[in-house]
Amino acid sequence: MIKYRCKNCLWWDSVHISVQYIVKLDWKPNPGFCRRRKAGVILIEKNHVAVHPVQDADEFCGEFKEIT
């Protein structure tokens, strides 16, 4: 079993108020943001919005950092 999951990572954020606006998909039932890198910018209508990558709590990556 791999313990390096987003939900156990220092960079994981699933409590920010904006998480409620993430569309929940069958393959991402527990969404949140990865705060490891700076936010990217997307254009929504005529507004620029900064967003972090959306991950699922059970995903993992090579930049995992355990909460101490």
N, C-alpha and C. Protein backbone atom coordinates (compact mmCIF):
# COMPACT_ATOMS: atom_id res chain seq x y z
N MET A 1 0.84 -1.19 0.00
CA MET A 1 0.00 0.00 0.00
C MET A 1 0.88 1.25 0.00
N ILE A 2 0.60 2.15 -0.88
CA ILE A 2 1.37 3.39 -0.98
C ILE A 2 0.82 4.40 0.01
N LYS A 3 1.67 4.90 0.91
CA LYS A 3 1.21 5.88 1.90
C LYS A 3 1.36 7.31 1.41
N TYR A 4 2.06 7.49 0.31
CA TYR A 4 2.30 8.83 -0.21
C TYR A 4 1.09 9.33 -0.99
N ARG A 5 0.03 9.62 -0.32
CA ARG A 5 -1.21 10.10 -0.93
C ARG A 5 -1.38 11.59 -0.65
N CYS A 6 -2.08 12.28 -1.51
CA CYS A 6 -2.29 13.72 -1.34
C CYS A 6 -2.85 14.07 0.04
N LYS A 7 -3.77 13.26 0.55
CA LYS A 7 -4.39 13.56 1.83
C LYS A 7 -3.40 13.56 3.00
N ASN A 8 -2.21 12.95 2.81
CA ASN A 8 -1.19 12.92 3.85
C ASN A 8 -0.04 13.87 3.56
N CYS A 9 -0.19 14.72 2.58
CA CYS A 9 0.89 15.59 2.12
C CYS A 9 0.78 17.00 2.71
N LEU A 10 1.92 17.60 2.96
CA LEU A 10 2.00 18.96 3.48
C LEU A 10 1.32 19.96 2.54
N TRP A 11 1.38 19.72 1.25
CA TRP A 11 0.87 20.68 0.26
C TRP A 11 -0.62 20.53 -0.01
N TRP A 12 -1.28 19.54 0.54
CA TRP A 12 -2.70 19.25 0.28
C TRP A 12 -3.61 20.26 0.96
N ASP A 13 -4.61 20.76 0.24
CA ASP A 13 -5.58 21.70 0.79
C ASP A 13 -6.98 21.30 0.35
N SER A 14 -7.74 20.76 1.28
CA SER A 14 -9.12 20.38 0.97
C SER A 14 -10.11 21.14 1.85
N VAL A 15 -9.64 22.16 2.56
CA VAL A 15 -10.52 22.90 3.47
C VAL A 15 -10.78 24.34 3.03
N HIS A 16 -10.07 24.81 2.01
CA HIS A 16 -10.29 26.18 1.54
C HIS A 16 -11.73 26.31 1.03
N ILE A 17 -12.30 27.48 1.21
CA ILE A 17 -13.70 27.71 0.82
C ILE A 17 -13.96 27.44 -0.67
N SER A 18 -12.96 27.65 -1.51
CA SER A 18 -13.15 27.46 -2.95
C SER A 18 -13.23 25.99 -3.37
N VAL A 19 -12.90 25.06 -2.48
CA VAL A 19 -13.00 23.63 -2.80
C VAL A 19 -14.45 23.25 -3.09
N GLN A 20 -15.40 23.94 -2.47
CA GLN A 20 -16.81 23.61 -2.69
C GLN A 20 -17.26 23.85 -4.12
N TYR A 21 -16.49 24.62 -4.90
CA TYR A 21 -16.86 24.92 -6.28
C TYR A 21 -16.26 23.94 -7.28
N ILE A 22 -15.44 23.01 -6.80
CA ILE A 22 -14.87 22.00 -7.69
C ILE A 22 -15.96 20.98 -8.02
N VAL A 23 -16.10 20.68 -9.29
CA VAL A 23 -17.08 19.68 -9.72
C VAL A 23 -16.59 18.31 -9.27
N LYS A 24 -17.41 17.60 -8.53
CA LYS A 24 -17.04 16.26 -8.06
C LYS A 24 -17.35 15.26 -9.17
N LEU A 25 -16.33 14.51 -9.54
CA LEU A 25 -16.45 13.49 -10.58
C LEU A 25 -16.34 12.11 -9.95
N ASP A 26 -16.81 11.10 -10.66
CA ASP A 26 -16.71 9.72 -10.15
C ASP A 26 -15.27 9.33 -9.87
N TRP A 27 -14.35 9.78 -10.70
CA TRP A 27 -12.94 9.40 -10.54
C TRP A 27 -12.17 10.38 -9.66
N LYS A 28 -12.82 11.44 -9.17
CA LYS A 28 -12.22 12.37 -8.20
C LYS A 28 -13.27 12.71 -7.14
N PRO A 29 -13.61 11.74 -6.28
CA PRO A 29 -14.69 11.97 -5.31
C PRO A 29 -14.30 12.86 -4.13
N ASN A 30 -13.00 13.03 -3.85
CA ASN A 30 -12.54 13.84 -2.72
C ASN A 30 -11.55 14.90 -3.21
N PRO A 31 -12.03 15.90 -3.95
CA PRO A 31 -11.12 16.86 -4.56
C PRO A 31 -10.52 17.86 -3.57
N GLY A 32 -9.41 18.41 -3.98
CA GLY A 32 -8.74 19.45 -3.23
C GLY A 32 -7.65 20.05 -4.10
N PHE A 33 -6.86 20.94 -3.54
CA PHE A 33 -5.83 21.61 -4.30
C PHE A 33 -4.43 21.17 -3.88
N CYS A 34 -3.55 21.08 -4.83
CA CYS A 34 -2.13 20.86 -4.55
C CYS A 34 -1.48 22.24 -4.52
N ARG A 35 -0.95 22.63 -3.38
CA ARG A 35 -0.35 23.96 -3.21
C ARG A 35 1.16 23.94 -3.38
N ARG A 36 1.71 22.88 -3.97
CA ARG A 36 3.17 22.74 -4.12
C ARG A 36 3.75 23.82 -5.02
N ARG A 37 3.09 24.14 -6.07
CA ARG A 37 3.57 25.13 -7.03
C ARG A 37 2.66 26.36 -7.04
N LYS A 38 3.13 27.43 -7.63
CA LYS A 38 2.29 28.63 -7.72
C LYS A 38 1.09 28.35 -8.61
N ALA A 39 0.05 29.11 -8.41
CA ALA A 39 -1.19 28.92 -9.16
C ALA A 39 -1.00 29.30 -10.62
N GLY A 40 -1.73 28.61 -11.48
CA GLY A 40 -1.78 28.97 -12.90
C GLY A 40 -2.95 29.91 -13.12
N VAL A 41 -2.97 30.58 -14.24
CA VAL A 41 -4.02 31.54 -14.53
C VAL A 41 -4.86 31.02 -15.69
N ILE A 42 -6.19 31.07 -15.51
CA ILE A 42 -7.11 30.71 -16.59
C ILE A 42 -8.05 31.88 -16.83
N LEU A 43 -8.62 31.93 -18.02
CA LEU A 43 -9.54 33.00 -18.38
C LEU A 43 -10.96 32.45 -18.32
N ILE A 44 -11.80 33.03 -17.47
CA ILE A 44 -13.20 32.66 -17.36
C ILE A 44 -14.01 33.89 -17.75
N GLU A 45 -14.70 33.76 -18.88
CA GLU A 45 -15.39 34.89 -19.50
C GLU A 45 -14.36 36.00 -19.72
N LYS A 46 -14.46 37.13 -19.05
CA LYS A 46 -13.47 38.20 -19.25
C LYS A 46 -12.62 38.42 -18.01
N ASN A 47 -12.56 37.41 -17.15
CA ASN A 47 -11.81 37.52 -15.90
C ASN A 47 -10.68 36.52 -15.85
N HIS A 48 -9.55 36.95 -15.36
CA HIS A 48 -8.42 36.06 -15.13
C HIS A 48 -8.51 35.54 -13.70
N VAL A 49 -8.41 34.22 -13.55
CA VAL A 49 -8.55 33.58 -12.25
C VAL A 49 -7.33 32.69 -12.01
N ALA A 50 -6.74 32.81 -10.82
CA ALA A 50 -5.61 31.95 -10.45
C ALA A 50 -6.15 30.68 -9.80
N VAL A 51 -5.67 29.54 -10.27
CA VAL A 51 -6.11 28.26 -9.71
C VAL A 51 -4.93 27.32 -9.53
N HIS A 52 -4.98 26.53 -8.47
CA HIS A 52 -3.99 25.48 -8.24
C HIS A 52 -4.51 24.19 -8.87
N PRO A 53 -3.62 23.25 -9.14
CA PRO A 53 -4.07 21.98 -9.71
C PRO A 53 -5.06 21.26 -8.79
N VAL A 54 -6.10 20.72 -9.37
CA VAL A 54 -7.09 19.96 -8.62
C VAL A 54 -6.68 18.50 -8.63
N GLN A 55 -6.59 17.93 -7.44
CA GLN A 55 -6.21 16.53 -7.27
C GLN A 55 -7.29 15.83 -6.44
N ASP A 56 -7.20 14.53 -6.37
CA ASP A 56 -8.06 13.75 -5.48
C ASP A 56 -7.23 13.36 -4.26
N ALA A 57 -7.87 13.20 -3.13
CA ALA A 57 -7.18 12.88 -1.87
C ALA A 57 -6.36 11.60 -1.96
N ASP A 58 -6.73 10.67 -2.82
CA ASP A 58 -6.02 9.40 -2.92
C ASP A 58 -5.00 9.34 -4.04
N GLU A 59 -4.76 10.46 -4.72
CA GLU A 59 -3.72 10.50 -5.74
C GLU A 59 -2.37 10.69 -5.07
N PHE A 60 -1.31 10.55 -5.83
CA PHE A 60 0.03 10.78 -5.29
C PHE A 60 0.95 11.27 -6.41
N CYS A 61 2.10 11.82 -6.01
CA CYS A 61 3.08 12.28 -6.98
C CYS A 61 4.48 12.13 -6.41
N GLY A 62 5.49 12.49 -7.18
CA GLY A 62 6.87 12.36 -6.75
C GLY A 62 7.34 13.49 -5.85
N GLU A 63 6.51 14.48 -5.60
CA GLU A 63 6.91 15.61 -4.77
C GLU A 63 6.22 15.59 -3.41
N PHE A 64 5.77 14.43 -3.00
CA PHE A 64 5.10 14.26 -1.72
C PHE A 64 6.00 14.70 -0.58
N LYS A 65 5.44 15.43 0.38
CA LYS A 65 6.17 15.82 1.58
C LYS A 65 5.27 15.54 2.77
N GLU A 66 5.69 14.63 3.61
CA GLU A 66 4.88 14.19 4.75
C GLU A 66 4.68 15.32 5.76
N ILE A 67 3.50 15.39 6.33
CA ILE A 67 3.19 16.36 7.37
C ILE A 67 3.92 15.94 8.64
N THR A 68 4.68 16.87 9.23
CA THR A 68 5.41 16.54 10.46
C THR A 68 4.91 17.31 11.63
